[in-house]
């Protein structure tokens, strides 16, 4: 878990798409157990 936390935090700092909450749009999926969204 800590290893993945480290990896995701690195991605958050590298990509401005993850530096805002307001820029989210959910993508259609055909499985209710899989959620997908675009961060612009």
ModelCIF file with pLDDT and N, C-alpha, C, O atoms, coordinates in Angstrom:
data_MODEL
#
_entry.id   MODEL 
#
_entity.id                         1 
_entity.type                       polymer 
_entity.pdbx_number_of_molecules   1 
#
_entity_poly.entity_id                      1 
_entity_poly.type                           'polypeptide(L)' 
_entity_poly.nstd_linkage                   no 
_entity_poly.nstd_monomer                   no 
_entity_poly.pdbx_seq_one_letter_code       
;(UNK)(UNK)(UNK)(UNK)(UNK)(UNK)(UNK)(UNK)(UNK)(UNK)(UNK)(UNK)(UNK)(UNK)(UNK)(UNK)
(UNK)(UNK)(UNK)(UNK)(UNK)(UNK)(UNK)(UNK)(UNK)(UNK)(UNK)(UNK)(UNK)(UNK)(UNK)(UNK)
(UNK)(UNK)(UNK)(UNK)(UNK)(UNK)(UNK)(UNK)
;
_entity_poly.pdbx_seq_one_letter_code_can   XXXXXXXXXXXXXXXXXXXXXXXXXXXXXXXXXXXXXXXX 
_entity_poly.pdbx_strand_id                 A 
#
loop_
_entity_poly_seq.entity_id 
_entity_poly_seq.num 
_entity_poly_seq.mon_id 
_entity_poly_seq.hetero 
1 1  UNK n 
1 2  UNK n 
1 3  UNK n 
1 4  UNK n 
1 5  UNK n 
1 6  UNK n 
1 7  UNK n 
1 8  UNK n 
1 9  UNK n 
1 10 UNK n 
1 11 UNK n 
1 12 UNK n 
1 13 UNK n 
1 14 UNK n 
1 15 UNK n 
1 16 UNK n 
1 17 UNK n 
1 18 UNK n 
1 19 UNK n 
1 20 UNK n 
1 21 UNK n 
1 22 UNK n 
1 23 UNK n 
1 24 UNK n 
1 25 UNK n 
1 26 UNK n 
1 27 UNK n 
1 28 UNK n 
1 29 UNK n 
1 30 UNK n 
1 31 UNK n 
1 32 UNK n 
1 33 UNK n 
1 34 UNK n 
1 35 UNK n 
1 36 UNK n 
1 37 UNK n 
1 38 UNK n 
1 39 UNK n 
1 40 UNK n 
#
_struct_asym.id          A 
_struct_asym.entity_id   1 
#
loop_
_ma_qa_metric.id 
_ma_qa_metric.mode 
_ma_qa_metric.name 
_ma_qa_metric.software_group_id 
_ma_qa_metric.type 
1 global pLDDT . pLDDT 
2 local  pLDDT . pLDDT 
#
_ma_qa_metric_global.metric_id      1 
_ma_qa_metric_global.metric_value   96.92 
_ma_qa_metric_global.model_id       1 
_ma_qa_metric_global.ordinal_id     1 
#
loop_
_ma_qa_metric_local.label_asym_id 
_ma_qa_metric_local.label_comp_id 
_ma_qa_metric_local.label_seq_id 
_ma_qa_metric_local.metric_id 
_ma_qa_metric_local.metric_value 
_ma_qa_metric_local.model_id 
_ma_qa_metric_local.ordinal_id 
A UNK 1  2 98.00 1 1  
A UNK 2  2 98.00 1 2  
A UNK 3  2 97.00 1 3  
A UNK 4  2 98.00 1 4  
A UNK 5  2 98.00 1 5  
A UNK 6  2 98.00 1 6  
A UNK 7  2 98.00 1 7  
A UNK 8  2 98.00 1 8  
A UNK 9  2 98.00 1 9  
A UNK 10 2 98.00 1 10 
A UNK 11 2 98.00 1 11 
A UNK 12 2 98.00 1 12 
A UNK 13 2 97.00 1 13 
A UNK 14 2 96.00 1 14 
A UNK 15 2 95.00 1 15 
A UNK 16 2 94.00 1 16 
A UNK 17 2 95.00 1 17 
A UNK 18 2 97.00 1 18 
A UNK 19 2 96.00 1 19 
A UNK 20 2 95.00 1 20 
A UNK 21 2 97.00 1 21 
A UNK 22 2 95.00 1 22 
A UNK 23 2 95.00 1 23 
A UNK 24 2 97.00 1 24 
A UNK 25 2 97.00 1 25 
A UNK 26 2 98.00 1 26 
A UNK 27 2 98.00 1 27 
A UNK 28 2 97.00 1 28 
A UNK 29 2 97.00 1 29 
A UNK 30 2 97.00 1 30 
A UNK 31 2 97.00 1 31 
A UNK 32 2 98.00 1 32 
A UNK 33 2 98.00 1 33 
A UNK 34 2 98.00 1 34 
A UNK 35 2 98.00 1 35 
A UNK 36 2 98.00 1 36 
A UNK 37 2 98.00 1 37 
A UNK 38 2 97.00 1 38 
A UNK 39 2 96.00 1 39 
A UNK 40 2 91.00 1 40 
#
loop_
_atom_site.group_PDB 
_atom_site.id 
_atom_site.type_symbol 
_atom_site.label_atom_id 
_atom_site.label_alt_id 
_atom_site.label_comp_id 
_atom_site.label_asym_id 
_atom_site.label_entity_id 
_atom_site.label_seq_id 
_atom_site.pdbx_PDB_ins_code 
_atom_site.Cartn_x 
_atom_site.Cartn_y 
_atom_site.Cartn_z 
_atom_site.occupancy 
_atom_site.B_iso_or_equiv 
_atom_site.pdbx_formal_charge 
_atom_site.auth_seq_id 
_atom_site.auth_comp_id 
_atom_site.auth_asym_id 
_atom_site.auth_atom_id 
_atom_site.pdbx_PDB_model_num 
ATOM 1   N N  . UNK A 1 1  ? 0.830   -1.204 0.000   1.00 98.00 ? 1  UNK A N  1 
ATOM 2   C CA . UNK A 1 1  ? 0.000   0.000  0.000   1.00 98.00 ? 1  UNK A CA 1 
ATOM 3   C C  . UNK A 1 1  ? 0.862   1.251  0.000   1.00 98.00 ? 1  UNK A C  1 
ATOM 4   O O  . UNK A 1 1  ? 0.591   2.201  -0.734  1.00 98.00 ? 1  UNK A O  1 
ATOM 5   N N  . UNK A 1 2  ? 1.904   1.249  0.827   1.00 98.00 ? 2  UNK A N  1 
ATOM 6   C CA . UNK A 1 2  ? 2.784   2.424  0.876   1.00 98.00 ? 2  UNK A CA 1 
ATOM 7   C C  . UNK A 1 2  ? 3.478   2.637  -0.467  1.00 98.00 ? 2  UNK A C  1 
ATOM 8   O O  . UNK A 1 2  ? 3.647   3.776  -0.902  1.00 98.00 ? 2  UNK A O  1 
ATOM 9   N N  . UNK A 1 3  ? 3.871   1.574  -1.112  1.00 97.00 ? 3  UNK A N  1 
ATOM 10  C CA . UNK A 1 3  ? 4.533   1.699  -2.411  1.00 97.00 ? 3  UNK A CA 1 
ATOM 11  C C  . UNK A 1 3  ? 3.601   2.352  -3.433  1.00 97.00 ? 3  UNK A C  1 
ATOM 12  O O  . UNK A 1 3  ? 4.028   3.204  -4.211  1.00 97.00 ? 3  UNK A O  1 
ATOM 13  N N  . UNK A 1 4  ? 2.326   1.950  -3.427  1.00 98.00 ? 4  UNK A N  1 
ATOM 14  C CA . UNK A 1 4  ? 1.365   2.526  -4.371  1.00 98.00 ? 4  UNK A CA 1 
ATOM 15  C C  . UNK A 1 4  ? 1.032   3.965  -3.999  1.00 98.00 ? 4  UNK A C  1 
ATOM 16  O O  . UNK A 1 4  ? 0.853   4.809  -4.877  1.00 98.00 ? 4  UNK A O  1 
ATOM 17  N N  . UNK A 1 5  ? 0.950   4.248  -2.702  1.00 98.00 ? 5  UNK A N  1 
ATOM 18  C CA . UNK A 1 5  ? 0.755   5.630  -2.262  1.00 98.00 ? 5  UNK A CA 1 
ATOM 19  C C  . UNK A 1 5  ? 1.860   6.523  -2.819  1.00 98.00 ? 5  UNK A C  1 
ATOM 20  O O  . UNK A 1 5  ? 1.595   7.604  -3.344  1.00 98.00 ? 5  UNK A O  1 
ATOM 21  N N  . UNK A 1 6  ? 3.083   6.063  -2.700  1.00 98.00 ? 6  UNK A N  1 
ATOM 22  C CA . UNK A 1 6  ? 4.229   6.828  -3.193  1.00 98.00 ? 6  UNK A CA 1 
ATOM 23  C C  . UNK A 1 6  ? 4.126   7.052  -4.693  1.00 98.00 ? 6  UNK A C  1 
ATOM 24  O O  . UNK A 1 6  ? 4.398   8.146  -5.187  1.00 98.00 ? 6  UNK A O  1 
ATOM 25  N N  . UNK A 1 7  ? 3.735   6.014  -5.410  1.00 98.00 ? 7  UNK A N  1 
ATOM 26  C CA . UNK A 1 7  ? 3.646   6.110  -6.862  1.00 98.00 ? 7  UNK A CA 1 
ATOM 27  C C  . UNK A 1 7  ? 2.543   7.089  -7.279  1.00 98.00 ? 7  UNK A C  1 
ATOM 28  O O  . UNK A 1 7  ? 2.743   7.911  -8.172  1.00 98.00 ? 7  UNK A O  1 
ATOM 29  N N  . UNK A 1 8  ? 1.388   6.995  -6.631  1.00 98.00 ? 8  UNK A N  1 
ATOM 30  C CA . UNK A 1 8  ? 0.272   7.875  -6.992  1.00 98.00 ? 8  UNK A CA 1 
ATOM 31  C C  . UNK A 1 8  ? 0.581   9.327  -6.639  1.00 98.00 ? 8  UNK A C  1 
ATOM 32  O O  . UNK A 1 8  ? 0.256   10.231 -7.410  1.00 98.00 ? 8  UNK A O  1 
ATOM 33  N N  . UNK A 1 9  ? 1.198   9.561  -5.494  1.00 98.00 ? 9  UNK A N  1 
ATOM 34  C CA . UNK A 1 9  ? 1.556   10.934 -5.143  1.00 98.00 ? 9  UNK A CA 1 
ATOM 35  C C  . UNK A 1 9  ? 2.536   11.524 -6.146  1.00 98.00 ? 9  UNK A C  1 
ATOM 36  O O  . UNK A 1 9  ? 2.483   12.719 -6.440  1.00 98.00 ? 9  UNK A O  1 
ATOM 37  N N  . UNK A 1 10 ? 3.425   10.699 -6.669  1.00 98.00 ? 10 UNK A N  1 
ATOM 38  C CA . UNK A 1 10 ? 4.363   11.168 -7.696  1.00 98.00 ? 10 UNK A CA 1 
ATOM 39  C C  . UNK A 1 10 ? 3.600   11.569 -8.964  1.00 98.00 ? 10 UNK A C  1 
ATOM 40  O O  . UNK A 1 10 ? 3.911   12.579 -9.595  1.00 98.00 ? 10 UNK A O  1 
ATOM 41  N N  . UNK A 1 11 ? 2.600   10.763 -9.324  1.00 98.00 ? 11 UNK A N  1 
ATOM 42  C CA . UNK A 1 11 ? 1.794   11.069 -10.508 1.00 98.00 ? 11 UNK A CA 1 
ATOM 43  C C  . UNK A 1 11 ? 0.990   12.351 -10.284 1.00 98.00 ? 11 UNK A C  1 
ATOM 44  O O  . UNK A 1 11 ? 0.872   13.180 -11.187 1.00 98.00 ? 11 UNK A O  1 
ATOM 45  N N  . UNK A 1 12 ? 0.441   12.510 -9.084  1.00 98.00 ? 12 UNK A N  1 
ATOM 46  C CA . UNK A 1 12 ? -0.334  13.720 -8.769  1.00 98.00 ? 12 UNK A CA 1 
ATOM 47  C C  . UNK A 1 12 ? 0.495   14.981 -8.943  1.00 98.00 ? 12 UNK A C  1 
ATOM 48  O O  . UNK A 1 12 ? -0.002  15.996 -9.431  1.00 98.00 ? 12 UNK A O  1 
ATOM 49  N N  . UNK A 1 13 ? 1.748   14.917 -8.547  1.00 97.00 ? 13 UNK A N  1 
ATOM 50  C CA . UNK A 1 13 ? 2.599   16.095 -8.667  1.00 97.00 ? 13 UNK A CA 1 
ATOM 51  C C  . UNK A 1 13 ? 3.032   16.358 -10.106 1.00 97.00 ? 13 UNK A C  1 
ATOM 52  O O  . UNK A 1 13 ? 3.320   17.497 -10.473 1.00 97.00 ? 13 UNK A O  1 
ATOM 53  N N  . UNK A 1 14 ? 3.077   15.315 -10.911 1.00 96.00 ? 14 UNK A N  1 
ATOM 54  C CA . UNK A 1 14 ? 3.550   15.454 -12.291 1.00 96.00 ? 14 UNK A CA 1 
ATOM 55  C C  . UNK A 1 14 ? 2.455   15.898 -13.249 1.00 96.00 ? 14 UNK A C  1 
ATOM 56  O O  . UNK A 1 14 ? 2.753   16.484 -14.290 1.00 96.00 ? 14 UNK A O  1 
ATOM 57  N N  . UNK A 1 15 ? 1.188   15.631 -12.917 1.00 95.00 ? 15 UNK A N  1 
ATOM 58  C CA . UNK A 1 15 ? 0.093   15.891 -13.850 1.00 95.00 ? 15 UNK A CA 1 
ATOM 59  C C  . UNK A 1 15 ? -0.917  16.845 -13.228 1.00 95.00 ? 15 UNK A C  1 
ATOM 60  O O  . UNK A 1 15 ? -1.549  16.534 -12.218 1.00 95.00 ? 15 UNK A O  1 
ATOM 61  N N  . UNK A 1 16 ? -1.057  18.011 -13.848 1.00 94.00 ? 16 UNK A N  1 
ATOM 62  C CA . UNK A 1 16 ? -1.981  19.017 -13.319 1.00 94.00 ? 16 UNK A CA 1 
ATOM 63  C C  . UNK A 1 16 ? -3.434  18.555 -13.389 1.00 94.00 ? 16 UNK A C  1 
ATOM 64  O O  . UNK A 1 16 ? -4.294  19.113 -12.708 1.00 94.00 ? 16 UNK A O  1 
ATOM 65  N N  . UNK A 1 17 ? -3.713  17.548 -14.199 1.00 95.00 ? 17 UNK A N  1 
ATOM 66  C CA . UNK A 1 17 ? -5.079  17.026 -14.270 1.00 95.00 ? 17 UNK A CA 1 
ATOM 67  C C  . UNK A 1 17 ? -5.557  16.532 -12.914 1.00 95.00 ? 17 UNK A C  1 
ATOM 68  O O  . UNK A 1 17 ? -6.757  16.548 -12.641 1.00 95.00 ? 17 UNK A O  1 
ATOM 69  N N  . UNK A 1 18 ? -4.636  16.091 -12.058 1.00 97.00 ? 18 UNK A N  1 
ATOM 70  C CA . UNK A 1 18 ? -4.992  15.588 -10.733 1.00 97.00 ? 18 UNK A CA 1 
ATOM 71  C C  . UNK A 1 18 ? -4.860  16.663 -9.655  1.00 97.00 ? 18 UNK A C  1 
ATOM 72  O O  . UNK A 1 18 ? -4.983  16.370 -8.465  1.00 97.00 ? 18 UNK A O  1 
ATOM 73  N N  . UNK A 1 19 ? -4.612  17.895 -10.065 1.00 96.00 ? 19 UNK A N  1 
ATOM 74  C CA . UNK A 1 19 ? -4.427  18.981 -9.114  1.00 96.00 ? 19 UNK A CA 1 
ATOM 75  C C  . UNK A 1 19 ? -5.654  19.888 -9.002  1.00 96.00 ? 19 UNK A C  1 
ATOM 76  O O  . UNK A 1 19 ? -5.592  20.977 -8.431  1.00 96.00 ? 19 UNK A O  1 
ATOM 77  N N  . UNK A 1 20 ? -6.759  19.418 -9.557  1.00 95.00 ? 20 UNK A N  1 
ATOM 78  C CA . UNK A 1 20 ? -8.034  20.122 -9.424  1.00 95.00 ? 20 UNK A CA 1 
ATOM 79  C C  . UNK A 1 20 ? -9.132  19.101 -9.164  1.00 95.00 ? 20 UNK A C  1 
ATOM 80  O O  . UNK A 1 20 ? -9.067  17.973 -9.652  1.00 95.00 ? 20 UNK A O  1 
ATOM 81  N N  . UNK A 1 21 ? -10.120 19.490 -8.409  1.00 97.00 ? 21 UNK A N  1 
ATOM 82  C CA . UNK A 1 21 ? -11.278 18.628 -8.163  1.00 97.00 ? 21 UNK A CA 1 
ATOM 83  C C  . UNK A 1 21 ? -12.392 18.890 -9.168  1.00 97.00 ? 21 UNK A C  1 
ATOM 84  O O  . UNK A 1 21 ? -13.196 18.003 -9.455  1.00 97.00 ? 21 UNK A O  1 
ATOM 85  N N  . UNK A 1 22 ? -12.439 20.110 -9.701  1.00 95.00 ? 22 UNK A N  1 
ATOM 86  C CA . UNK A 1 22 ? -13.599 20.552 -10.479 1.00 95.00 ? 22 UNK A CA 1 
ATOM 87  C C  . UNK A 1 22 ? -13.594 20.021 -11.912 1.00 95.00 ? 22 UNK A C  1 
ATOM 88  O O  . UNK A 1 22 ? -14.582 20.205 -12.623 1.00 95.00 ? 22 UNK A O  1 
ATOM 89  N N  . UNK A 1 23 ? -12.529 19.377 -12.358 1.00 95.00 ? 23 UNK A N  1 
ATOM 90  C CA . UNK A 1 23 ? -12.363 19.035 -13.774 1.00 95.00 ? 23 UNK A CA 1 
ATOM 91  C C  . UNK A 1 23 ? -12.711 17.583 -14.082 1.00 95.00 ? 23 UNK A C  1 
ATOM 92  O O  . UNK A 1 23 ? -12.124 16.995 -14.990 1.00 95.00 ? 23 UNK A O  1 
ATOM 93  N N  . UNK A 1 24 ? -13.637 17.003 -13.359 1.00 97.00 ? 24 UNK A N  1 
ATOM 94  C CA . UNK A 1 24 ? -13.934 15.579 -13.503 1.00 97.00 ? 24 UNK A CA 1 
ATOM 95  C C  . UNK A 1 24 ? -15.180 15.364 -14.365 1.00 97.00 ? 24 UNK A C  1 
ATOM 96  O O  . UNK A 1 24 ? -16.184 16.061 -14.217 1.00 97.00 ? 24 UNK A O  1 
ATOM 97  N N  . UNK A 1 25 ? -15.092 14.384 -15.268 1.00 97.00 ? 25 UNK A N  1 
ATOM 98  C CA . UNK A 1 25 ? -16.236 13.908 -16.049 1.00 97.00 ? 25 UNK A CA 1 
ATOM 99  C C  . UNK A 1 25 ? -16.219 12.390 -15.996 1.00 97.00 ? 25 UNK A C  1 
ATOM 100 O O  . UNK A 1 25 ? -15.187 11.770 -16.253 1.00 97.00 ? 25 UNK A O  1 
ATOM 101 N N  . UNK A 1 26 ? -17.351 11.788 -15.666 1.00 98.00 ? 26 UNK A N  1 
ATOM 102 C CA . UNK A 1 26 ? -17.412 10.331 -15.564 1.00 98.00 ? 26 UNK A CA 1 
ATOM 103 C C  . UNK A 1 26 ? -17.642 9.715  -16.937 1.00 98.00 ? 26 UNK A C  1 
ATOM 104 O O  . UNK A 1 26 ? -18.393 10.235 -17.762 1.00 98.00 ? 26 UNK A O  1 
ATOM 105 N N  . UNK A 1 27 ? -16.966 8.584  -17.152 1.00 98.00 ? 27 UNK A N  1 
ATOM 106 C CA . UNK A 1 27 ? -17.062 7.869  -18.413 1.00 98.00 ? 27 UNK A CA 1 
ATOM 107 C C  . UNK A 1 27 ? -18.030 6.699  -18.278 1.00 98.00 ? 27 UNK A C  1 
ATOM 108 O O  . UNK A 1 27 ? -18.128 6.072  -17.223 1.00 98.00 ? 27 UNK A O  1 
ATOM 109 N N  . UNK A 1 28 ? -18.720 6.426  -19.332 1.00 97.00 ? 28 UNK A N  1 
ATOM 110 C CA . UNK A 1 28 ? -19.649 5.304  -19.360 1.00 97.00 ? 28 UNK A CA 1 
ATOM 111 C C  . UNK A 1 28 ? -18.895 3.978  -19.289 1.00 97.00 ? 28 UNK A C  1 
ATOM 112 O O  . UNK A 1 28 ? -17.907 3.797  -19.999 1.00 97.00 ? 28 UNK A O  1 
ATOM 113 N N  . UNK A 1 29 ? -19.343 3.051  -18.446 1.00 97.00 ? 29 UNK A N  1 
ATOM 114 C CA . UNK A 1 29 ? -18.818 1.686  -18.420 1.00 97.00 ? 29 UNK A CA 1 
ATOM 115 C C  . UNK A 1 29 ? -20.010 0.725  -18.389 1.00 97.00 ? 29 UNK A C  1 
ATOM 116 O O  . UNK A 1 29 ? -21.111 1.104  -17.988 1.00 97.00 ? 29 UNK A O  1 
ATOM 117 N N  . UNK A 1 30 ? -19.782 -0.519 -18.816 1.00 97.00 ? 30 UNK A N  1 
ATOM 118 C CA . UNK A 1 30 ? -20.876 -1.501 -18.820 1.00 97.00 ? 30 UNK A CA 1 
ATOM 119 C C  . UNK A 1 30 ? -20.753 -2.492 -17.671 1.00 97.00 ? 30 UNK A C  1 
ATOM 120 O O  . UNK A 1 30 ? -21.260 -3.610 -17.752 1.00 97.00 ? 30 UNK A O  1 
ATOM 121 N N  . UNK A 1 31 ? -20.074 -2.075 -16.593 1.00 97.00 ? 31 UNK A N  1 
ATOM 122 C CA . UNK A 1 31 ? -19.928 -2.910 -15.412 1.00 97.00 ? 31 UNK A CA 1 
ATOM 123 C C  . UNK A 1 31 ? -20.019 -2.009 -14.187 1.00 97.00 ? 31 UNK A C  1 
ATOM 124 O O  . UNK A 1 31 ? -19.214 -1.091 -14.029 1.00 97.00 ? 31 UNK A O  1 
ATOM 125 N N  . UNK A 1 32 ? -20.993 -2.263 -13.324 1.00 98.00 ? 32 UNK A N  1 
ATOM 126 C CA . UNK A 1 32 ? -21.206 -1.416 -12.155 1.00 98.00 ? 32 UNK A CA 1 
ATOM 127 C C  . UNK A 1 32 ? -20.096 -1.541 -11.126 1.00 98.00 ? 32 UNK A C  1 
ATOM 128 O O  . UNK A 1 32 ? -20.032 -0.751 -10.184 1.00 98.00 ? 32 UNK A O  1 
ATOM 129 N N  . UNK A 1 33 ? -19.228 -2.516 -11.292 1.00 98.00 ? 33 UNK A N  1 
ATOM 130 C CA . UNK A 1 33 ? -18.100 -2.653 -10.355 1.00 98.00 ? 33 UNK A CA 1 
ATOM 131 C C  . UNK A 1 33 ? -16.852 -1.941 -10.854 1.00 98.00 ? 33 UNK A C  1 
ATOM 132 O O  . UNK A 1 33 ? -15.828 -1.938 -10.171 1.00 98.00 ? 33 UNK A O  1 
ATOM 133 N N  . UNK A 1 34 ? -16.925 -1.340 -12.030 1.00 98.00 ? 34 UNK A N  1 
ATOM 134 C CA . UNK A 1 34 ? -15.793 -0.583 -12.588 1.00 98.00 ? 34 UNK A CA 1 
ATOM 135 C C  . UNK A 1 34 ? -16.234 0.861  -12.792 1.00 98.00 ? 34 UNK A C  1 
ATOM 136 O O  . UNK A 1 34 ? -17.191 1.132  -13.518 1.00 98.00 ? 34 UNK A O  1 
ATOM 137 N N  . UNK A 1 35 ? -15.537 1.771  -12.154 1.00 98.00 ? 35 UNK A N  1 
ATOM 138 C CA . UNK A 1 35 ? -15.830 3.190  -12.309 1.00 98.00 ? 35 UNK A CA 1 
ATOM 139 C C  . UNK A 1 35 ? -14.704 3.832  -13.099 1.00 98.00 ? 35 UNK A C  1 
ATOM 140 O O  . UNK A 1 35 ? -13.533 3.509  -12.899 1.00 98.00 ? 35 UNK A O  1 
ATOM 141 N N  . UNK A 1 36 ? -15.059 4.741  -13.995 1.00 98.00 ? 36 UNK A N  1 
ATOM 142 C CA . UNK A 1 36 ? -14.052 5.405  -14.820 1.00 98.00 ? 36 UNK A CA 1 
ATOM 143 C C  . UNK A 1 36 ? -14.389 6.882  -14.931 1.00 98.00 ? 36 UNK A C  1 
ATOM 144 O O  . UNK A 1 36 ? -15.559 7.259  -15.000 1.00 98.00 ? 36 UNK A O  1 
ATOM 145 N N  . UNK A 1 37 ? -13.361 7.711  -14.948 1.00 98.00 ? 37 UNK A N  1 
ATOM 146 C CA . UNK A 1 37 ? -13.567 9.150  -15.067 1.00 98.00 ? 37 UNK A CA 1 
ATOM 147 C C  . UNK A 1 37 ? -12.368 9.794  -15.733 1.00 98.00 ? 37 UNK A C  1 
ATOM 148 O O  . UNK A 1 37 ? -11.241 9.311  -15.630 1.00 98.00 ? 37 UNK A O  1 
ATOM 149 N N  . UNK A 1 38 ? -12.634 10.882 -16.412 1.00 97.00 ? 38 UNK A N  1 
ATOM 150 C CA . UNK A 1 38 ? -11.595 11.672 -17.072 1.00 97.00 ? 38 UNK A CA 1 
ATOM 151 C C  . UNK A 1 38 ? -11.305 12.901 -16.233 1.00 97.00 ? 38 UNK A C  1 
ATOM 152 O O  . UNK A 1 38 ? -12.219 13.570 -15.752 1.00 97.00 ? 38 UNK A O  1 
ATOM 153 N N  . UNK A 1 39 ? -10.030 13.189 -16.063 1.00 96.00 ? 39 UNK A N  1 
ATOM 154 C CA . UNK A 1 39 ? -9.606  14.417 -15.402 1.00 96.00 ? 39 UNK A CA 1 
ATOM 155 C C  . UNK A 1 39 ? -8.885  15.265 -16.447 1.00 96.00 ? 39 UNK A C  1 
ATOM 156 O O  . UNK A 1 39 ? -7.807  14.904 -16.919 1.00 96.00 ? 39 UNK A O  1 
ATOM 157 N N  . UNK A 1 40 ? -9.491  16.389 -16.798 1.00 91.00 ? 40 UNK A N  1 
ATOM 158 C CA . UNK A 1 40 ? -8.957  17.256 -17.832 1.00 91.00 ? 40 UNK A CA 1 
ATOM 159 C C  . UNK A 1 40 ? -7.935  18.218 -17.240 1.00 91.00 ? 40 UNK A C  1 
ATOM 160 O O  . UNK A 1 40 ? -7.368  19.038 -17.962 1.00 91.00 ? 40 UNK A O  1 
#
